[in-house]
Amino acid sequence: MSDLNTFPITRRWPAADPSVIQLYSLPTPNGVKVSIMLEEVGLAYEPHLVRFDTNDQMTPEFLSLNPNNKIPAIIDPNGPDGRPLALFESGAILIYLAEKTGQLLPQANRYEVLQWLMFQMGGIGPMFGQLGFFHSFAGKEIEDPRPKERYRAEVARLLQVLDGALTGREWIAGAYSIADIAIAPWLRTLRDFYKAGDITGWDDLGAVPAYLDRFLARPAVARGLTIPKRD
């Protein structure tokens, strides 16, 4: 059995079962990517809640695992060559888990899947998040309309790109993949949490709404969206 006690993060979040993947996360659109992936591929794991309201992500223990103080992060006690692997950045974790299990990153169109994964990491995530800030949170106090409009317009454009790519397709790269696991949680957040669908042309989209519904109907997705459970 792997000894995870050498990882300082386990002092704050002890591993009940150090033989399984340790997930440090929160059910945000980035966080649930990994819990959904773990549920989809059937790997055993132990979730640990990293609370933002108490700044858990800024503690020395968490920073020892991810110096960029972002969730999610994992420790796989059975990493490459049988050695423990600590890993952060949701996209990197998705690729690692796909390669570890041989699931959801097919060789036949590997680079197509990766291009849409990067589309989410470089475009959808940052732009949707900025719009959420200006539309739903502290940005409401800023009188200058230009910041919000900048992100609203870019989110609307990205939705159109996605809508076009999904036309005639069930999933973004043909078969269900890590690209869908990365993209769809952000669509859900935009529509249901930020309540920004009406300002970004959601109702005018032809393929995206049904795509999100298909994603949310998957049993592994339904489970992963609630992990780690909030107190």
Protein backbone atom coordinates (compact mmCIF):
# COMPACT_ATOMS: atom_id res chain seq x y z
CA MET A 1 0.00 0.00 0.00
CA SER A 2 1.29 3.44 -0.92
CA ASP A 3 2.33 5.74 1.90
CA LEU A 4 0.70 9.11 1.29
CA ASN A 5 1.90 10.59 4.57
CA THR A 6 4.81 12.16 2.73
CA PHE A 7 2.31 14.52 1.07
CA PRO A 8 1.64 17.46 3.44
CA ILE A 9 -1.93 17.82 2.18
CA THR A 10 -2.85 14.57 3.94
CA ARG A 11 -2.25 16.26 7.29
CA ARG A 12 -5.28 18.47 6.70
CA TRP A 13 -7.28 15.95 4.68
CA PRO A 14 -6.25 12.49 5.94
CA ALA A 15 -6.72 9.59 3.54
CA ALA A 16 -9.16 7.01 4.89
CA ASP A 17 -8.05 4.65 2.13
CA PRO A 18 -4.58 5.58 0.86
CA SER A 19 -4.77 2.88 -1.82
CA VAL A 20 -7.24 4.88 -3.95
CA ILE A 21 -7.06 8.19 -5.78
CA GLN A 22 -7.39 11.18 -3.47
CA LEU A 23 -9.48 14.01 -4.96
CA TYR A 24 -9.29 17.52 -3.50
CA SER A 25 -12.08 19.56 -4.98
CA LEU A 26 -15.34 21.47 -4.78
CA PRO A 27 -18.38 21.04 -7.05
CA THR A 28 -17.61 23.99 -9.33
CA PRO A 29 -17.56 23.66 -13.14
CA ASN A 30 -13.84 22.91 -13.03
CA GLY A 31 -14.07 20.70 -9.97
CA VAL A 32 -16.80 18.42 -11.25
CA LYS A 33 -14.86 17.63 -14.41
CA VAL A 34 -12.70 15.25 -12.40
CA SER A 35 -15.43 13.76 -10.20
CA ILE A 36 -17.52 13.10 -13.33
CA MET A 37 -14.53 11.53 -15.06
CA LEU A 38 -13.82 9.29 -12.10
CA GLU A 39 -17.45 8.21 -12.00
CA GLU A 40 -17.48 7.56 -15.76
CA VAL A 41 -14.36 5.39 -15.80
CA GLY A 42 -15.08 3.57 -12.54
CA LEU A 43 -11.84 4.26 -10.71
CA ALA A 44 -11.95 4.07 -6.92
CA TYR A 45 -11.37 7.43 -5.29
CA GLU A 46 -11.81 9.37 -2.07
CA PRO A 47 -13.13 12.94 -2.32
CA HIS A 48 -12.08 15.72 0.02
CA LEU A 49 -13.98 19.01 0.15
CA VAL A 50 -11.84 22.12 -0.29
CA ARG A 51 -13.94 24.98 1.02
CA PHE A 52 -13.54 28.40 -0.54
CA ASP A 53 -15.53 30.14 2.20
CA THR A 54 -12.81 29.23 4.71
CA ASN A 55 -9.96 29.70 2.20
CA ASP A 56 -8.91 26.06 2.34
CA GLN A 57 -7.23 26.55 -1.02
CA MET A 58 -4.82 29.07 0.52
CA THR A 59 -3.59 26.82 3.32
CA PRO A 60 0.02 25.57 3.27
CA GLU A 61 -1.23 22.00 3.00
CA PHE A 62 -3.24 22.66 -0.16
CA LEU A 63 -0.53 24.85 -1.66
CA SER A 64 1.91 21.99 -1.22
CA LEU A 65 -0.15 20.10 -3.80
CA ASN A 66 -1.12 23.00 -6.05
CA PRO A 67 0.94 26.18 -5.62
CA ASN A 68 -1.58 27.93 -7.88
CA ASN A 69 -4.27 27.47 -5.16
CA LYS A 70 -6.93 26.14 -7.54
CA ILE A 71 -9.11 23.06 -7.44
CA PRO A 72 -9.23 20.28 -8.49
CA ALA A 73 -6.08 18.36 -7.64
CA ILE A 74 -5.41 14.67 -7.13
CA ILE A 75 -2.94 12.22 -5.71
CA ASP A 76 -2.91 8.85 -7.43
CA PRO A 77 -1.10 6.38 -5.17
CA ASN A 78 -0.66 4.09 -8.18
CA GLY A 79 0.77 6.49 -10.73
CA PRO A 80 3.27 5.76 -13.50
CA ASP A 81 5.72 3.00 -12.58
CA GLY A 82 3.61 2.33 -9.49
CA ARG A 83 4.71 5.52 -7.78
CA PRO A 84 2.34 8.12 -6.30
CA LEU A 85 1.55 10.99 -8.64
CA ALA A 86 0.35 14.43 -7.54
CA LEU A 87 -1.38 16.40 -10.26
CA PHE A 88 -3.30 19.67 -10.65
CA GLU A 89 -5.08 21.46 -13.54
CA SER A 90 -8.36 19.86 -14.54
CA GLY A 91 -7.41 19.38 -18.19
CA ALA A 92 -4.18 17.62 -17.30
CA ILE A 93 -6.04 15.39 -14.84
CA LEU A 94 -8.64 14.44 -17.47
CA ILE A 95 -5.91 13.47 -19.93
CA TYR A 96 -4.05 11.49 -17.27
CA LEU A 97 -7.14 9.56 -16.16
CA ALA A 98 -8.11 8.87 -19.76
CA GLU A 99 -4.67 7.47 -20.51
CA LYS A 100 -4.55 5.52 -17.26
CA THR A 101 -7.83 3.75 -18.03
CA GLY A 102 -7.80 3.75 -21.83
CA GLN A 103 -11.20 5.43 -21.81
CA LEU A 104 -12.72 8.61 -23.29
CA LEU A 105 -9.64 9.64 -25.30
CA PRO A 106 -9.70 7.40 -28.38
CA GLN A 107 -6.57 7.12 -30.46
CA ALA A 108 -8.54 7.38 -33.70
CA ASN A 109 -9.36 11.06 -33.12
CA ARG A 110 -7.15 11.85 -30.15
CA TYR A 111 -6.12 15.27 -31.40
CA GLU A 112 -9.67 16.29 -32.26
CA VAL A 113 -10.68 15.53 -28.68
CA LEU A 114 -7.68 17.45 -27.37
CA GLN A 115 -8.42 20.47 -29.55
CA TRP A 116 -11.90 20.77 -28.03
CA LEU A 117 -10.50 20.20 -24.56
CA MET A 118 -8.13 23.12 -25.15
CA PHE A 119 -11.03 25.15 -26.57
CA GLN A 120 -12.68 24.80 -23.18
CA MET A 121 -9.55 25.44 -21.16
CA GLY A 122 -8.48 28.52 -23.11
CA GLY A 123 -11.85 29.95 -24.10
CA ILE A 124 -15.03 28.69 -22.50
CA GLY A 125 -13.73 28.47 -18.93
CA PRO A 126 -12.05 31.88 -18.68
CA MET A 127 -14.67 33.78 -20.68
CA PHE A 128 -17.70 32.20 -19.02
CA GLY A 129 -16.12 32.79 -15.62
CA GLN A 130 -15.49 36.47 -16.33
CA LEU A 131 -19.04 36.96 -17.55
CA GLY A 132 -20.31 35.26 -14.41
CA PHE A 133 -18.31 37.72 -12.31
CA PHE A 134 -19.70 40.79 -14.06
CA HIS A 135 -23.24 39.48 -14.50
CA SER A 136 -23.88 37.66 -11.23
CA PHE A 137 -21.37 38.83 -8.66
CA ALA A 138 -19.28 41.88 -7.80
CA GLY A 139 -19.23 43.16 -11.35
CA LYS A 140 -22.74 44.48 -10.84
CA GLU A 141 -21.21 47.32 -8.81
CA ILE A 142 -19.13 48.50 -11.77
CA GLU A 143 -20.93 51.26 -13.63
CA ASP A 144 -18.84 51.06 -16.80
CA PRO A 145 -20.78 48.63 -19.09
CA ARG A 146 -17.79 47.80 -21.29
CA PRO A 147 -16.22 44.98 -19.22
CA LYS A 148 -19.46 43.01 -18.99
CA GLU A 149 -20.28 43.62 -22.65
CA ARG A 150 -16.82 42.43 -23.69
CA TYR A 151 -17.33 39.08 -22.00
CA ARG A 152 -21.01 38.78 -22.94
CA ALA A 153 -20.14 39.19 -26.61
CA GLU A 154 -17.27 36.70 -26.41
CA VAL A 155 -19.41 34.12 -24.62
CA ALA A 156 -22.12 34.52 -27.26
CA ARG A 157 -19.49 34.00 -29.96
CA LEU A 158 -18.08 30.90 -28.28
CA LEU A 159 -21.58 29.46 -27.99
CA GLN A 160 -22.06 29.96 -31.71
CA VAL A 161 -18.77 28.18 -32.43
CA LEU A 162 -19.84 25.28 -30.24
CA ASP A 163 -23.31 25.21 -31.74
CA GLY A 164 -21.94 24.97 -35.25
CA ALA A 165 -19.54 22.18 -34.32
CA LEU A 166 -22.33 20.20 -32.64
CA THR A 167 -24.74 20.42 -35.56
CA GLY A 168 -25.36 16.85 -36.67
CA ARG A 169 -23.27 15.44 -33.81
CA GLU A 170 -24.28 13.93 -30.51
CA TRP A 171 -20.95 14.79 -28.86
CA ILE A 172 -18.35 17.43 -29.70
CA ALA A 173 -15.74 15.04 -31.14
CA GLY A 174 -18.14 12.38 -32.37
CA ALA A 175 -18.07 9.90 -29.48
CA TYR A 176 -18.43 10.94 -25.85
CA SER A 177 -15.03 12.02 -24.50
CA ILE A 178 -13.09 14.08 -21.99
CA ALA A 179 -13.82 17.11 -24.17
CA ASP A 180 -17.52 16.84 -23.34
CA ILE A 181 -16.72 16.37 -19.65
CA ALA A 182 -14.74 19.62 -19.80
CA ILE A 183 -17.24 21.68 -21.81
CA ALA A 184 -20.68 20.74 -20.57
CA PRO A 185 -20.32 21.68 -16.87
CA TRP A 186 -19.54 25.24 -17.95
CA LEU A 187 -22.66 25.34 -20.12
CA ARG A 188 -24.71 24.23 -17.12
CA THR A 189 -23.12 26.92 -14.96
CA LEU A 190 -23.74 29.63 -17.55
CA ARG A 191 -27.40 28.71 -17.90
CA ASP A 192 -28.36 27.65 -14.38
CA PHE A 193 -25.97 29.38 -11.97
CA TYR A 194 -24.97 32.58 -13.70
CA LYS A 195 -28.46 32.89 -15.25
CA ALA A 196 -26.81 34.35 -18.32
CA GLY A 197 -28.54 32.37 -21.04
CA ASP A 198 -30.90 35.19 -21.97
CA ILE A 199 -28.08 37.67 -22.61
CA THR A 200 -25.91 35.27 -24.63
CA GLY A 201 -28.47 33.94 -27.11
CA TRP A 202 -29.04 30.55 -25.48
CA ASP A 203 -32.60 30.21 -26.79
CA ASP A 204 -31.43 30.83 -30.35
CA LEU A 205 -28.97 27.95 -30.31
CA GLY A 206 -29.90 24.89 -32.32
CA ALA A 207 -27.68 22.15 -30.90
CA VAL A 208 -26.17 23.25 -27.60
CA PRO A 209 -29.26 23.00 -25.33
CA ALA A 210 -29.99 19.40 -26.33
CA TYR A 211 -26.29 18.58 -25.99
CA LEU A 212 -26.32 19.80 -22.40
CA ASP A 213 -29.49 17.81 -21.70
CA ARG A 214 -27.86 14.63 -23.03
CA PHE A 215 -24.85 15.23 -20.83
CA LEU A 216 -26.90 15.85 -17.69
CA ALA A 217 -28.93 12.68 -18.33
CA ARG A 218 -25.86 10.46 -17.90
CA PRO A 219 -25.95 8.67 -14.50
CA ALA A 220 -22.21 9.20 -13.89
CA VAL A 221 -22.64 12.91 -14.57
CA ALA A 222 -25.52 13.16 -12.10
CA ARG A 223 -23.36 11.54 -9.43
CA GLY A 224 -20.24 13.54 -10.21
CA LEU A 225 -22.01 16.89 -10.09
CA THR A 226 -22.53 16.52 -6.33
CA ILE A 227 -19.01 15.37 -5.41
CA PRO A 228 -17.44 16.28 -3.05
CA LYS A 229 -20.59 16.82 -1.05
CA ARG A 230 -20.86 20.23 0.52
CA ASP A 231 -21.24 20.41 4.31
